[in-house]
Amino acid sequence: MFLLLQMVGENYANPKTCFFHVLFKAGALAFYILSALFVNNFVIIFVITVLLAALDFWVVKNVSGRILVGLRWWNEIDDEGNSVWKFECLDGESLARMNKKDSWLFWWTLYLTAAAWIVLGIFSLIRLHADYLLVVGVCLSLSIANIVGFTKCNKDAKKNVADWTRTTLLSSGVRSTIQSAFGV
């Protein structure tokens, strides 16, 4: 494991976060696939797989999303009963300095995990195992919630970066115009 972290550390700015970002996703998928082959107790498979998927959801939403891509999201219900999305992101300068490999790993694993759960759901349908389809449905719901949340948050962040860039360029342009006009 140390060797893996050391090898990953050469390419990524946050190798431990990247490792755990992938670990919980792979853990939930691997347990579901392997346990279906070796364990004959649906309740154990359901509980452990959903627990691993929930841990993945929490780690992605609250830790790796913030560290690897500088984004965080949550959903609140206001006083009128409406769902309100809340987004948190780093400032434009910090977002522009985020490690591209960390970001690549974050987004690809987010989408590939959902795709893997969809494939496993199709297999459950083909095998006519509605109970296992329930496990896949819960895990897929958690994956899709993170995809939707981070996609919306990323759009908000890109708007913030564009505003920051425009403000920075405008202020540097004004500053250079003033400096040239007054010979400073």
N, C-alpha and C. Protein backbone atom coordinates (compact mmCIF):
# COMPACT_ATOMS: atom_id res chain seq x y z
N MET A 1 0.83 -1.19 0.00
CA MET A 1 0.00 0.00 0.00
C MET A 1 0.88 1.25 0.00
N PHE A 2 1.98 1.24 0.78
CA PHE A 2 2.87 2.39 0.81
C PHE A 2 3.48 2.62 -0.56
N LEU A 3 3.84 1.51 -1.25
CA LEU A 3 4.41 1.62 -2.59
C LEU A 3 3.42 2.24 -3.55
N LEU A 4 2.16 1.83 -3.45
CA LEU A 4 1.12 2.41 -4.29
C LEU A 4 0.97 3.90 -4.03
N LEU A 5 0.94 4.28 -2.77
CA LEU A 5 0.84 5.71 -2.43
C LEU A 5 2.05 6.48 -2.93
N GLN A 6 3.24 5.86 -2.83
CA GLN A 6 4.45 6.53 -3.29
C GLN A 6 4.42 6.69 -4.81
N MET A 7 3.97 5.66 -5.52
CA MET A 7 3.89 5.72 -6.97
C MET A 7 2.85 6.75 -7.40
N VAL A 8 1.71 6.76 -6.76
CA VAL A 8 0.67 7.74 -7.07
C VAL A 8 1.14 9.14 -6.72
N GLY A 9 1.91 9.28 -5.64
CA GLY A 9 2.37 10.59 -5.18
C GLY A 9 3.25 11.30 -6.18
N GLU A 10 3.88 10.54 -7.08
CA GLU A 10 4.72 11.18 -8.09
C GLU A 10 3.89 11.94 -9.12
N ASN A 11 2.64 11.55 -9.27
CA ASN A 11 1.80 12.16 -10.30
C ASN A 11 0.71 13.07 -9.75
N TYR A 12 0.35 12.86 -8.51
CA TYR A 12 -0.80 13.56 -7.95
C TYR A 12 -0.38 14.45 -6.79
N ALA A 13 -1.08 15.56 -6.64
CA ALA A 13 -0.76 16.48 -5.55
C ALA A 13 -1.26 15.97 -4.21
N ASN A 14 -2.33 15.19 -4.22
CA ASN A 14 -2.94 14.67 -2.98
C ASN A 14 -3.11 13.16 -3.09
N PRO A 15 -2.01 12.40 -3.01
CA PRO A 15 -2.10 10.95 -3.25
C PRO A 15 -2.96 10.20 -2.24
N LYS A 16 -2.93 10.60 -0.97
CA LYS A 16 -3.74 9.90 0.03
C LYS A 16 -5.22 10.11 -0.22
N THR A 17 -5.59 11.33 -0.55
CA THR A 17 -6.99 11.62 -0.86
C THR A 17 -7.43 10.87 -2.10
N CYS A 18 -6.57 10.84 -3.12
CA CYS A 18 -6.88 10.10 -4.35
C CYS A 18 -7.07 8.61 -4.03
N PHE A 19 -6.21 8.08 -3.19
CA PHE A 19 -6.28 6.67 -2.82
C PHE A 19 -7.61 6.35 -2.15
N PHE A 20 -8.00 7.14 -1.17
CA PHE A 20 -9.26 6.88 -0.46
C PHE A 20 -10.47 7.20 -1.32
N HIS A 21 -10.32 8.15 -2.24
CA HIS A 21 -11.40 8.47 -3.18
C HIS A 21 -11.74 7.23 -4.01
N VAL A 22 -10.71 6.53 -4.45
CA VAL A 22 -10.90 5.32 -5.25
C VAL A 22 -11.22 4.11 -4.39
N LEU A 23 -10.64 4.03 -3.20
CA LEU A 23 -10.78 2.86 -2.33
C LEU A 23 -12.24 2.54 -1.99
N PHE A 24 -13.00 3.52 -1.55
CA PHE A 24 -14.38 3.25 -1.16
C PHE A 24 -15.25 2.87 -2.35
N LYS A 25 -15.00 3.50 -3.51
CA LYS A 25 -15.74 3.13 -4.72
C LYS A 25 -15.43 1.68 -5.10
N ALA A 26 -14.15 1.37 -5.15
CA ALA A 26 -13.73 0.01 -5.51
C ALA A 26 -14.18 -0.99 -4.45
N GLY A 27 -14.16 -0.59 -3.19
CA GLY A 27 -14.59 -1.48 -2.11
C GLY A 27 -16.05 -1.87 -2.24
N ALA A 28 -16.91 -0.91 -2.50
CA ALA A 28 -18.34 -1.20 -2.64
C ALA A 28 -18.59 -2.09 -3.86
N LEU A 29 -17.97 -1.75 -4.98
CA LEU A 29 -18.16 -2.55 -6.19
C LEU A 29 -17.60 -3.96 -6.02
N ALA A 30 -16.39 -4.05 -5.49
CA ALA A 30 -15.74 -5.37 -5.32
C ALA A 30 -16.51 -6.23 -4.34
N PHE A 31 -16.95 -5.64 -3.23
CA PHE A 31 -17.70 -6.45 -2.26
C PHE A 31 -18.99 -6.96 -2.87
N TYR A 32 -19.69 -6.09 -3.60
CA TYR A 32 -20.95 -6.51 -4.22
C TYR A 32 -20.72 -7.66 -5.19
N ILE A 33 -19.73 -7.52 -6.05
CA ILE A 33 -19.46 -8.54 -7.08
C ILE A 33 -18.99 -9.84 -6.44
N LEU A 34 -18.01 -9.75 -5.55
CA LEU A 34 -17.45 -10.97 -4.94
C LEU A 34 -18.41 -11.63 -3.97
N SER A 35 -19.15 -10.83 -3.23
CA SER A 35 -20.05 -11.43 -2.25
C SER A 35 -21.20 -12.16 -2.93
N ALA A 36 -21.61 -11.68 -4.08
CA ALA A 36 -22.67 -12.37 -4.82
C ALA A 36 -22.21 -13.76 -5.24
N LEU A 37 -20.90 -13.93 -5.39
CA LEU A 37 -20.35 -15.23 -5.77
C LEU A 37 -20.14 -16.16 -4.57
N PHE A 38 -19.77 -15.59 -3.42
CA PHE A 38 -19.32 -16.41 -2.29
C PHE A 38 -20.24 -16.39 -1.07
N VAL A 39 -21.09 -15.37 -0.94
CA VAL A 39 -21.95 -15.26 0.23
C VAL A 39 -23.39 -15.52 -0.22
N ASN A 40 -24.10 -16.27 0.56
CA ASN A 40 -25.46 -16.62 0.18
C ASN A 40 -26.50 -15.87 1.02
N ASN A 41 -26.08 -14.84 1.74
CA ASN A 41 -26.99 -14.11 2.62
C ASN A 41 -27.21 -12.70 2.05
N PHE A 42 -28.39 -12.45 1.50
CA PHE A 42 -28.69 -11.16 0.88
C PHE A 42 -28.59 -10.00 1.86
N VAL A 43 -29.03 -10.18 3.09
CA VAL A 43 -29.03 -9.10 4.07
C VAL A 43 -27.60 -8.60 4.33
N ILE A 44 -26.67 -9.52 4.47
CA ILE A 44 -25.27 -9.13 4.68
C ILE A 44 -24.74 -8.38 3.47
N ILE A 45 -25.03 -8.89 2.29
CA ILE A 45 -24.58 -8.22 1.06
C ILE A 45 -25.18 -6.82 0.97
N PHE A 46 -26.47 -6.70 1.25
CA PHE A 46 -27.13 -5.40 1.18
C PHE A 46 -26.52 -4.42 2.17
N VAL A 47 -26.42 -4.82 3.42
CA VAL A 47 -25.97 -3.90 4.47
C VAL A 47 -24.53 -3.45 4.22
N ILE A 48 -23.63 -4.37 3.94
CA ILE A 48 -22.22 -4.00 3.78
C ILE A 48 -22.01 -3.20 2.50
N THR A 49 -22.64 -3.60 1.41
CA THR A 49 -22.48 -2.86 0.16
C THR A 49 -23.01 -1.44 0.28
N VAL A 50 -24.20 -1.29 0.85
CA VAL A 50 -24.78 0.05 1.01
C VAL A 50 -23.96 0.89 2.00
N LEU A 51 -23.44 0.26 3.04
CA LEU A 51 -22.58 0.97 3.98
C LEU A 51 -21.31 1.49 3.29
N LEU A 52 -20.68 0.64 2.47
CA LEU A 52 -19.50 1.08 1.72
C LEU A 52 -19.84 2.18 0.73
N ALA A 53 -20.98 2.06 0.06
CA ALA A 53 -21.41 3.10 -0.88
C ALA A 53 -21.72 4.41 -0.16
N ALA A 54 -22.31 4.31 1.03
CA ALA A 54 -22.60 5.51 1.82
C ALA A 54 -21.31 6.18 2.30
N LEU A 55 -20.32 5.36 2.69
CA LEU A 55 -19.02 5.91 3.07
C LEU A 55 -18.38 6.61 1.87
N ASP A 56 -18.48 6.00 0.70
CA ASP A 56 -17.96 6.62 -0.51
C ASP A 56 -18.67 7.95 -0.77
N PHE A 57 -19.99 7.95 -0.67
CA PHE A 57 -20.76 9.18 -0.88
C PHE A 57 -20.27 10.28 0.05
N TRP A 58 -20.10 9.95 1.33
CA TRP A 58 -19.70 10.96 2.30
C TRP A 58 -18.28 11.45 2.04
N VAL A 59 -17.37 10.52 1.76
CA VAL A 59 -15.97 10.91 1.51
C VAL A 59 -15.87 11.80 0.28
N VAL A 60 -16.56 11.44 -0.79
CA VAL A 60 -16.52 12.24 -2.01
C VAL A 60 -17.14 13.61 -1.76
N LYS A 61 -18.30 13.63 -1.15
CA LYS A 61 -19.03 14.88 -0.95
C LYS A 61 -18.32 15.85 0.00
N ASN A 62 -17.72 15.33 1.06
CA ASN A 62 -17.18 16.20 2.09
C ASN A 62 -15.66 16.29 2.16
N VAL A 63 -14.96 15.34 1.57
CA VAL A 63 -13.49 15.35 1.69
C VAL A 63 -12.83 15.46 0.32
N SER A 64 -12.94 14.41 -0.49
CA SER A 64 -12.18 14.39 -1.74
C SER A 64 -12.66 15.45 -2.73
N GLY A 65 -13.94 15.77 -2.74
CA GLY A 65 -14.42 16.83 -3.62
C GLY A 65 -13.81 18.18 -3.27
N ARG A 66 -13.67 18.43 -2.00
CA ARG A 66 -13.09 19.70 -1.55
C ARG A 66 -11.59 19.75 -1.83
N ILE A 67 -10.90 18.63 -1.58
CA ILE A 67 -9.44 18.62 -1.72
C ILE A 67 -9.01 18.48 -3.18
N LEU A 68 -9.65 17.59 -3.94
CA LEU A 68 -9.20 17.30 -5.30
C LEU A 68 -9.68 18.30 -6.33
N VAL A 69 -10.88 18.83 -6.19
CA VAL A 69 -11.40 19.78 -7.18
C VAL A 69 -11.84 21.11 -6.58
N GLY A 70 -11.73 21.26 -5.27
CA GLY A 70 -12.08 22.52 -4.63
C GLY A 70 -13.56 22.83 -4.58
N LEU A 71 -14.39 21.78 -4.60
CA LEU A 71 -15.83 21.97 -4.63
C LEU A 71 -16.51 21.23 -3.49
N ARG A 72 -17.63 21.76 -3.06
CA ARG A 72 -18.46 21.10 -2.05
C ARG A 72 -19.90 21.53 -2.28
N TRP A 73 -20.82 20.61 -2.08
CA TRP A 73 -22.23 20.93 -2.29
C TRP A 73 -23.06 20.30 -1.18
N TRP A 74 -24.23 20.85 -1.01
CA TRP A 74 -25.22 20.24 -0.13
C TRP A 74 -26.58 20.77 -0.54
N ASN A 75 -27.60 20.11 -0.04
CA ASN A 75 -28.97 20.45 -0.39
C ASN A 75 -29.73 20.68 0.90
N GLU A 76 -30.45 21.78 0.96
CA GLU A 76 -31.24 22.12 2.15
C GLU A 76 -32.71 22.29 1.75
N ILE A 77 -33.56 22.11 2.70
CA ILE A 77 -34.98 22.39 2.51
C ILE A 77 -35.29 23.69 3.25
N ASP A 78 -35.79 24.68 2.51
CA ASP A 78 -36.07 25.98 3.14
C ASP A 78 -37.39 25.92 3.92
N ASP A 79 -37.77 27.04 4.51
CA ASP A 79 -38.97 27.11 5.35
C ASP A 79 -40.26 26.80 4.59
N GLU A 80 -40.25 27.04 3.28
CA GLU A 80 -41.43 26.80 2.46
C GLU A 80 -41.49 25.37 1.92
N GLY A 81 -40.47 24.55 2.25
CA GLY A 81 -40.45 23.16 1.80
C GLY A 81 -39.79 22.95 0.45
N ASN A 82 -39.12 23.98 -0.06
CA ASN A 82 -38.44 23.88 -1.35
C ASN A 82 -37.01 23.40 -1.16
N SER A 83 -36.55 22.62 -2.11
CA SER A 83 -35.17 22.13 -2.10
C SER A 83 -34.25 23.23 -2.64
N VAL A 84 -33.21 23.55 -1.88
CA VAL A 84 -32.28 24.61 -2.26
C VAL A 84 -30.88 24.02 -2.32
N TRP A 85 -30.24 24.12 -3.49
CA TRP A 85 -28.87 23.63 -3.65
C TRP A 85 -27.92 24.70 -3.17
N LYS A 86 -26.94 24.29 -2.38
CA LYS A 86 -25.90 25.20 -1.89
C LYS A 86 -24.56 24.72 -2.43
N PHE A 87 -23.76 25.66 -2.91
CA PHE A 87 -22.46 25.32 -3.48
C PHE A 87 -21.37 26.10 -2.78
N GLU A 88 -20.24 25.46 -2.63
CA GLU A 88 -19.08 26.09 -2.02
C GLU A 88 -17.89 25.74 -2.89
N CYS A 89 -17.12 26.75 -3.28
CA CYS A 89 -15.92 26.48 -4.06
C CYS A 89 -14.82 27.45 -3.67
N LEU A 90 -13.62 27.06 -4.02
CA LEU A 90 -12.48 27.93 -3.76
C LEU A 90 -12.60 29.18 -4.62
N ASP A 91 -11.82 30.19 -4.30
CA ASP A 91 -11.83 31.39 -5.13
C ASP A 91 -11.22 31.07 -6.50
N GLY A 92 -11.40 31.98 -7.44
CA GLY A 92 -10.96 31.75 -8.82
C GLY A 92 -9.49 31.44 -8.96
N GLU A 93 -8.65 32.15 -8.22
CA GLU A 93 -7.21 31.92 -8.31
C GLU A 93 -6.85 30.53 -7.80
N SER A 94 -7.43 30.11 -6.70
CA SER A 94 -7.15 28.79 -6.15
C SER A 94 -7.68 27.68 -7.06
N LEU A 95 -8.87 27.88 -7.63
CA LEU A 95 -9.41 26.88 -8.56
C LEU A 95 -8.52 26.73 -9.79
N ALA A 96 -7.97 27.85 -10.26
CA ALA A 96 -7.11 27.80 -11.44
C ALA A 96 -5.82 27.03 -11.15
N ARG A 97 -5.41 26.96 -9.89
CA ARG A 97 -4.17 26.26 -9.52
C ARG A 97 -4.38 24.81 -9.12
N MET A 98 -5.61 24.29 -9.20
CA MET A 98 -5.87 22.91 -8.82
C MET A 98 -5.10 21.96 -9.73
N ASN A 99 -4.65 20.84 -9.15
CA ASN A 99 -3.89 19.84 -9.89
C ASN A 99 -4.79 19.17 -10.93
N LYS A 100 -4.36 19.16 -12.18
CA LYS A 100 -5.18 18.60 -13.27
C LYS A 100 -5.35 17.09 -13.14
N LYS A 101 -4.32 16.38 -12.67
CA LYS A 101 -4.43 14.92 -12.53
C LYS A 101 -5.39 14.56 -11.40
N ASP A 102 -5.35 15.31 -10.31
CA ASP A 102 -6.30 15.08 -9.23
C ASP A 102 -7.73 15.28 -9.73
N SER A 103 -7.93 16.34 -10.48
CA SER A 103 -9.25 16.64 -11.02
C SER A 103 -9.69 15.56 -12.00
N TRP A 104 -8.79 15.12 -12.86
CA TRP A 104 -9.10 14.07 -13.82
C TRP A 104 -9.54 12.79 -13.10
N LEU A 105 -8.77 12.39 -12.10
CA LEU A 105 -9.11 11.18 -11.33
C LEU A 105 -10.47 11.33 -10.66
N PHE A 106 -10.72 12.47 -10.08
CA PHE A 106 -11.98 12.72 -9.39
C PHE A 106 -13.16 12.53 -10.34
N TRP A 107 -13.15 13.23 -11.48
CA TRP A 107 -14.30 13.20 -12.38
C TRP A 107 -14.47 11.84 -13.06
N TRP A 108 -13.38 11.24 -13.51
CA TRP A 108 -13.50 9.95 -14.19
C TRP A 108 -14.01 8.87 -13.26
N THR A 109 -13.50 8.82 -12.04
CA THR A 109 -13.98 7.78 -11.13
C THR A 109 -15.44 8.03 -10.73
N LEU A 110 -15.82 9.28 -10.64
CA LEU A 110 -17.21 9.60 -10.32
C LEU A 110 -18.16 9.02 -11.39
N TYR A 111 -17.82 9.25 -12.67
CA TYR A 111 -18.67 8.77 -13.75
C TYR A 111 -18.53 7.27 -13.98
N LEU A 112 -17.32 6.73 -13.88
CA LEU A 112 -17.13 5.30 -14.12
C LEU A 112 -17.82 4.45 -13.05
N THR A 113 -17.85 4.93 -11.82
CA THR A 113 -18.54 4.20 -10.77
C THR A 113 -20.03 4.09 -11.07
N ALA A 114 -20.63 5.19 -11.49
CA ALA A 114 -22.06 5.16 -11.85
C ALA A 114 -22.29 4.22 -13.02
N ALA A 115 -21.39 4.25 -14.01
CA ALA A 115 -21.52 3.35 -15.16
C ALA A 115 -21.42 1.89 -14.72
N ALA A 116 -20.51 1.61 -13.80
CA ALA A 116 -20.36 0.24 -13.30
C ALA A 116 -21.63 -0.22 -12.58
N TRP A 117 -22.24 0.66 -11.78
CA TRP A 117 -23.48 0.29 -11.09
C TRP A 117 -24.61 0.06 -12.10
N ILE A 118 -24.63 0.83 -13.19
CA ILE A 118 -25.65 0.62 -14.23
C ILE A 118 -25.46 -0.76 -14.87
N VAL A 119 -24.22 -1.11 -15.19
CA VAL A 119 -23.94 -2.43 -15.78
C VAL A 119 -24.36 -3.54 -14.82
N LEU A 120 -24.03 -3.38 -13.54
CA LEU A 120 -24.43 -4.38 -12.55
C LEU A 120 -25.95 -4.45 -12.41
N GLY A 121 -26.62 -3.33 -12.56
CA GLY A 121 -28.08 -3.32 -12.54
C GLY A 121 -28.66 -4.08 -13.73
N ILE A 122 -28.05 -3.91 -14.88
CA ILE A 122 -28.50 -4.65 -16.07
C ILE A 122 -28.33 -6.16 -15.85
N PHE A 123 -27.19 -6.55 -15.26
CA PHE A 123 -26.98 -7.97 -14.95
C PHE A 123 -28.02 -8.48 -13.97
N SER A 124 -28.38 -7.67 -13.00
CA SER A 124 -29.41 -8.08 -12.04
C SER A 124 -30.76 -8.26 -12.72
N LEU A 125 -31.06 -7.39 -13.67
CA LEU A 125 -32.30 -7.53 -14.43
C LEU A 125 -32.29 -8.79 -15.29
N ILE A 126 -31.18 -9.05 -15.96
CA ILE A 126 -31.08 -10.23 -16.80
C ILE A 126 -31.22 -11.50 -15.98
N ARG A 127 -30.61 -11.53 -14.79
CA ARG A 127 -30.67 -12.71 -13.93
C ARG A 127 -31.98 -12.78 -13.14
N LEU A 128 -32.82 -11.75 -13.29
CA LEU A 128 -34.11 -11.66 -12.58
C LEU A 128 -33.94 -11.69 -11.06
N HIS A 129 -32.96 -10.95 -10.58
CA HIS A 129 -32.74 -10.81 -9.14
C HIS A 129 -33.17 -9.41 -8.71
N ALA A 130 -34.43 -9.26 -8.40
CA ALA A 130 -34.96 -7.95 -8.02
C ALA A 130 -34.36 -7.46 -6.71
N ASP A 131 -34.03 -8.38 -5.81
CA ASP A 131 -33.45 -7.97 -4.54
C ASP A 131 -32.07 -7.34 -4.74
N TYR A 132 -31.26 -7.92 -5.62
CA TYR A 132 -29.95 -7.33 -5.89
C TYR A 132 -30.09 -6.03 -6.67
N LEU A 133 -31.15 -5.90 -7.43
CA LEU A 133 -31.43 -4.65 -8.12
C LEU A 133 -31.68 -3.52 -7.12
N LEU A 134 -32.24 -3.87 -5.97
CA LEU A 134 -32.43 -2.88 -4.90
C LEU A 134 -31.09 -2.36 -4.39
N VAL A 135 -30.14 -3.24 -4.18
CA VAL A 135 -28.79 -2.84 -3.74
C VAL A 135 -28.18 -1.91 -4.77
N VAL A 136 -28.23 -2.32 -6.03
CA VAL A 136 -27.66 -1.51 -7.11
C VAL A 136 -28.37 -0.16 -7.19
N GLY A 137 -29.68 -0.15 -7.01
CA GLY A 137 -30.44 1.10 -7.06
C GLY A 137 -30.01 2.09 -5.99
N VAL A 138 -29.80 1.59 -4.78
CA VAL A 138 -29.35 2.48 -3.69
C VAL A 138 -27.96 3.03 -4.01
N CYS A 139 -27.05 2.15 -4.41
CA CYS A 139 -25.68 2.58 -4.70
C CYS A 139 -25.63 3.52 -5.90
N LEU A 140 -26.42 3.23 -6.91
CA LEU A 140 -26.47 4.11 -8.09
C LEU A 140 -27.06 5.46 -7.72
N SER A 141 -28.05 5.49 -6.86
CA SER A 141 -28.64 6.75 -6.41
C SER A 141 -27.62 7.63 -5.70
N LEU A 142 -26.80 7.01 -4.87
CA LEU A 142 -25.76 7.77 -4.17
C LEU A 142 -24.73 8.31 -5.16
N SER A 143 -24.34 7.49 -6.13
CA SER A 143 -23.38 7.94 -7.15
C SER A 143 -23.94 9.08 -7.98
N ILE A 144 -25.19 8.94 -8.40
CA ILE A 144 -25.81 9.98 -9.23
C ILE A 144 -26.01 11.27 -8.43
N ALA A 145 -26.32 11.15 -7.15
CA ALA A 145 -26.46 12.36 -6.32
C ALA A 145 -25.16 13.14 -6.30
N ASN A 146 -24.03 12.44 -6.17
CA ASN A 146 -22.73 13.13 -6.20
C ASN A 146 -22.45 13.71 -7.58
N ILE A 147 -22.78 12.99 -8.63
CA ILE A 147 -22.57 13.51 -9.99
C ILE A 147 -23.37 14.78 -10.21
N VAL A 148 -24.64 14.75 -9.87
CA VAL A 148 -25.50 15.93 -10.06
C VAL A 148 -25.00 17.10 -9.20
N GLY A 149 -24.71 16.82 -7.93
CA GLY A 149 -24.25 17.88 -7.03
C GLY A 149 -22.95 18.51 -7.49
N PHE A 150 -21.97 17.69 -7.85
CA PHE A 150 -20.67 18.25 -8.27
C PHE A 150 -20.74 18.88 -9.65
N THR A 151 -21.60 18.37 -10.54
CA THR A 151 -21.74 18.99 -11.85
C THR A 151 -22.34 20.39 -11.70
N LYS A 152 -23.38 20.50 -10.90
CA LYS A 152 -23.98 21.83 -10.66
C LYS A 152 -22.97 22.75 -9.97
N CYS A 153 -22.25 22.21 -9.01
CA CYS A 153 -21.25 23.00 -8.29
C CYS A 153 -20.13 23.44 -9.24
N ASN A 154 -19.72 22.55 -10.15
CA ASN A 154 -18.67 22.87 -11.10
C ASN A 154 -19.10 23.98 -12.05
N LYS A 155 -20.36 23.95 -12.48
CA LYS A 155 -20.87 25.02 -13.35
C LYS A 155 -20.84 26.35 -12.61
N ASP A 156 -21.22 26.33 -11.34
CA ASP A 156 -21.17 27.54 -10.53
C ASP A 156 -19.73 28.01 -10.35
N ALA A 157 -18.81 27.07 -10.15
CA ALA A 157 -17.40 27.41 -9.98
C ALA A 157 -16.81 27.99 -11.27
N LYS A 158 -17.18 27.41 -12.41
CA LYS A 158 -16.67 27.94 -13.69
C LYS A 158 -17.15 29.36 -13.91
N LYS A 159 -18.38 29.65 -13.49
CA LYS A 159 -18.89 31.02 -13.59
C LYS A 159 -18.07 31.94 -12.68
N ASN A 160 -17.72 31.45 -11.49
CA ASN A 160 -16.90 32.24 -10.57
C ASN A 160 -15.51 32.47 -11.12
N VAL A 161 -14.92 31.46 -11.77
CA VAL A 161 -13.58 31.61 -12.37
C VAL A 161 -13.65 32.60 -13.51
N ALA A 162 -14.69 32.53 -14.34
CA ALA A 162 -14.83 33.48 -15.44
C ALA A 162 -14.98 34.91 -14.90
N ASP A 163 -15.78 35.08 -13.86
CA ASP A 163 -15.93 36.40 -13.25
C ASP A 163 -14.61 36.88 -12.67
N TRP A 164 -13.86 35.99 -11.99
CA TRP A 164 -12.57 36.35 -11.41
C TRP A 164 -11.59 36.75 -12.50
N THR A 165 -11.56 35.98 -13.61
CA THR A 165 -10.65 36.27 -14.71
C THR A 165 -11.00 37.62 -15.33
N ARG A 166 -12.27 37.84 -15.56
CA ARG A 166 -12.71 39.11 -16.15
C ARG A 166 -12.36 40.27 -15.23
N THR A 167 -12.58 40.11 -13.93
CA THR A 167 -12.27 41.16 -12.96
C THR A 167 -10.77 41.41 -12.91
N THR A 168 -9.98 40.34 -12.91
CA THR A 168 -8.52 40.47 -12.84
C THR A 168 -7.99 41.15 -14.09
N LEU A 169 -8.47 40.71 -15.26
CA LEU A 169 -8.02 41.33 -16.51
C LEU A 169 -8.46 42.78 -16.59
N LEU A 170 -9.68 43.05 -16.15
CA LEU A 170 -10.19 44.42 -16.18
C LEU A 170 -9.38 45.30 -15.24
N SER A 171 -9.13 44.81 -14.03
CA SER A 171 -8.39 45.64 -13.07
C SER A 171 -6.94 45.83 -13.52
N SER A 172 -6.33 44.81 -14.13
CA SER A 172 -4.94 44.99 -14.60
C SER A 172 -4.91 45.92 -15.80
N GLY A 173 -5.95 45.85 -16.65
CA GLY A 173 -6.04 46.77 -17.79
C GLY A 173 -6.23 48.20 -17.34
N VAL A 174 -7.09 48.42 -16.36
CA VAL A 174 -7.31 49.77 -15.81
C VAL A 174 -6.03 50.28 -15.16
N ARG A 175 -5.37 49.39 -14.40
CA ARG A 175 -4.14 49.78 -13.72
C ARG A 175 -3.06 50.18 -14.72
N SER A 176 -2.90 49.40 -15.82
CA SER A 176 -1.88 49.73 -16.81
C SER A 176 -2.24 51.01 -17.55
N THR A 177 -3.53 51.26 -17.78
CA THR A 177 -3.95 52.49 -18.44
C THR A 177 -3.66 53.69 -17.56
N ILE A 178 -3.95 53.56 -16.27
CA ILE A 178 -3.67 54.66 -15.34
C ILE A 178 -2.17 54.90 -15.24
N GLN A 179 -1.40 53.81 -15.17
CA GLN A 179 0.05 53.94 -15.08
C GLN A 179 0.62 54.61 -16.32
N SER A 180 0.13 54.25 -17.49
CA SER A 180 0.66 54.86 -18.72
C SER A 180 0.19 56.32 -18.86
N ALA A 181 -1.01 56.61 -18.36
CA ALA A 181 -1.53 57.97 -18.49
C ALA A 181 -0.78 58.93 -17.57
N PHE A 182 -0.38 58.47 -16.40
CA PHE A 182 0.32 59.33 -15.45
C PHE A 182 1.82 59.10 -15.44
N GLY A 183 2.31 58.21 -16.31
CA GLY A 183 3.75 57.98 -16.40
C GLY A 183 4.34 57.34 -15.17
N VAL A 184 3.53 56.52 -14.45
CA VAL A 184 4.01 55.88 -13.23
C VAL A 184 4.74 54.61 -13.55
